[in-house]
C-alpha cells in the first residue's frame, strides 16, 4: 500500500477515534444528554407537584374570601373556638401504668 493511502487511512482512523470520544465522553455526549433528560423529567414532576399545591392553596384562599364555613372551620381547628350554646369537652389522655 502506497504511503499516501496509509496516511489517509491513519488520518481517518484518528478522526474516527476523536468522534467516538466526543460521542461517548465529551461535551454533548450521550451520557450527558441522558443525564439532562433525567433532570428535566425531575423538574417537570416538581413543577406538577407545585402546580397542584398552588391550586389547592388558591381554592382555600377563594373559600376563605367568600365562604363563612371555611372561616368557621379554620377558627375551630386553629384557634379552638366554639359556637355560642355549644359545650366544650376536653378529654385528657389516660396515664400509662408501669
Protein backbone atom coordinates (compact mmCIF):
# COMPACT_ATOMS: atom_id res chain seq x y z
CA UNK A 1 0.00 0.00 0.00
CA UNK A 2 1.50 3.37 -1.01
CA UNK A 3 2.27 5.87 1.75
CA UNK A 4 -0.46 8.42 0.79
CA UNK A 5 -3.13 5.73 1.25
CA UNK A 6 -1.61 4.68 4.58
CA UNK A 7 -1.57 8.31 5.70
CA UNK A 8 -5.19 8.73 4.65
CA UNK A 9 -6.20 5.52 6.46
CA UNK A 10 -4.34 6.66 9.60
CA UNK A 11 -5.96 10.09 9.41
CA UNK A 12 -9.43 8.57 9.01
CA UNK A 13 -8.83 6.21 11.94
CA UNK A 14 -7.70 9.12 14.12
CA UNK A 15 -10.78 11.14 13.17
CA UNK A 16 -12.99 8.15 13.97
CA UNK A 17 -11.40 7.84 17.42
CA UNK A 18 -11.87 11.57 18.13
CA UNK A 19 -15.52 11.45 17.07
CA UNK A 20 -16.15 8.32 19.14
CA UNK A 21 -14.59 10.00 22.17
CA UNK A 22 -16.89 13.01 21.76
CA UNK A 23 -19.90 10.75 21.28
CA UNK A 24 -19.35 8.75 24.47
CA UNK A 25 -17.41 11.05 26.81
CA UNK A 26 -17.11 14.63 25.59
CA UNK A 27 -19.42 17.60 25.87
CA UNK A 28 -22.86 16.80 24.46
CA UNK A 29 -22.21 13.07 24.77
CA UNK A 30 -24.96 10.51 25.02
CA UNK A 31 -24.37 10.16 28.77
CA UNK A 32 -24.67 13.91 29.30
CA UNK A 33 -27.84 14.10 27.21
CA UNK A 34 -29.40 11.24 29.19
CA UNK A 35 -28.46 12.95 32.46
CA UNK A 36 -30.00 16.23 31.32
CA UNK A 37 -33.18 14.45 30.22
CA UNK A 38 -33.48 12.86 33.69
CA UNK A 39 -33.05 16.26 35.32
CA UNK A 40 -35.69 17.77 33.03
CA UNK A 41 -38.13 14.99 33.94
CA UNK A 42 -37.46 15.57 37.65
CA UNK A 43 -38.10 19.29 37.23
CA UNK A 44 -41.33 18.60 35.34
CA UNK A 45 -42.53 16.34 38.16
CA UNK A 46 -41.62 19.00 40.73
CA UNK A 47 -43.45 21.67 38.75
CA UNK A 48 -46.55 19.45 38.52
CA UNK A 49 -46.50 18.96 42.31
CA UNK A 50 -46.14 22.70 42.85
CA UNK A 51 -49.00 23.47 40.45
CA UNK A 52 -51.24 21.03 42.32
CA UNK A 53 -50.26 22.59 45.64
CA UNK A 54 -50.88 26.08 44.27
CA UNK A 55 -54.32 25.04 43.04
CA UNK A 56 -55.22 23.73 46.49
CA UNK A 57 -53.97 26.91 48.14
CA UNK A 58 -55.86 29.06 45.64
CA UNK A 59 -59.06 27.11 46.34
CA UNK A 60 -58.54 27.62 50.06
CA UNK A 61 -57.98 31.35 49.57
CA UNK A 62 -61.15 31.64 47.50
CA UNK A 63 -63.07 29.68 50.11
CA UNK A 64 -61.80 31.94 52.88
CA UNK A 65 -62.66 35.06 50.89
CA UNK A 66 -66.20 34.06 50.02
CA UNK A 67 -67.39 31.41 52.46
CA UNK A 68 -68.12 31.68 56.15
CA UNK A 69 -67.98 27.91 56.60
CA UNK A 70 -64.28 27.82 55.77
CA UNK A 71 -63.55 30.67 58.18
CA UNK A 72 -65.51 28.91 60.91
CA UNK A 73 -63.77 25.60 60.33
CA UNK A 74 -60.38 27.26 60.42
CA UNK A 75 -61.20 29.14 63.64
CA UNK A 76 -62.37 25.91 65.26
CA UNK A 77 -59.32 23.96 64.17
CA UNK A 78 -56.57 26.54 64.66
CA UNK A 79 -57.91 28.68 67.49
CA UNK A 80 -60.07 26.18 69.37
CA UNK A 81 -63.13 28.40 69.11
CA UNK A 82 -66.65 27.13 69.83
CA UNK A 83 -70.07 28.44 68.89
CA UNK A 84 -72.35 30.10 71.37
CA UNK A 85 -74.52 27.50 73.06
CA UNK A 86 -72.04 24.65 72.44
CA UNK A 87 -70.39 22.82 75.30
CA UNK A 88 -66.65 22.29 75.10
CA UNK A 89 -65.31 18.95 76.33
CA UNK A 90 -61.61 18.27 76.66
CA UNK A 91 -60.58 14.65 77.03
CA UNK A 92 -57.27 14.07 78.79
CA UNK A 93 -55.23 11.05 77.71
CA UNK A 94 -55.14 8.19 80.22
CA UNK A 95 -51.93 7.91 82.22
CA UNK A 96 -49.77 4.95 81.43
CA UNK A 97 -49.21 2.45 84.27
CA UNK A 98 -45.95 0.63 84.61
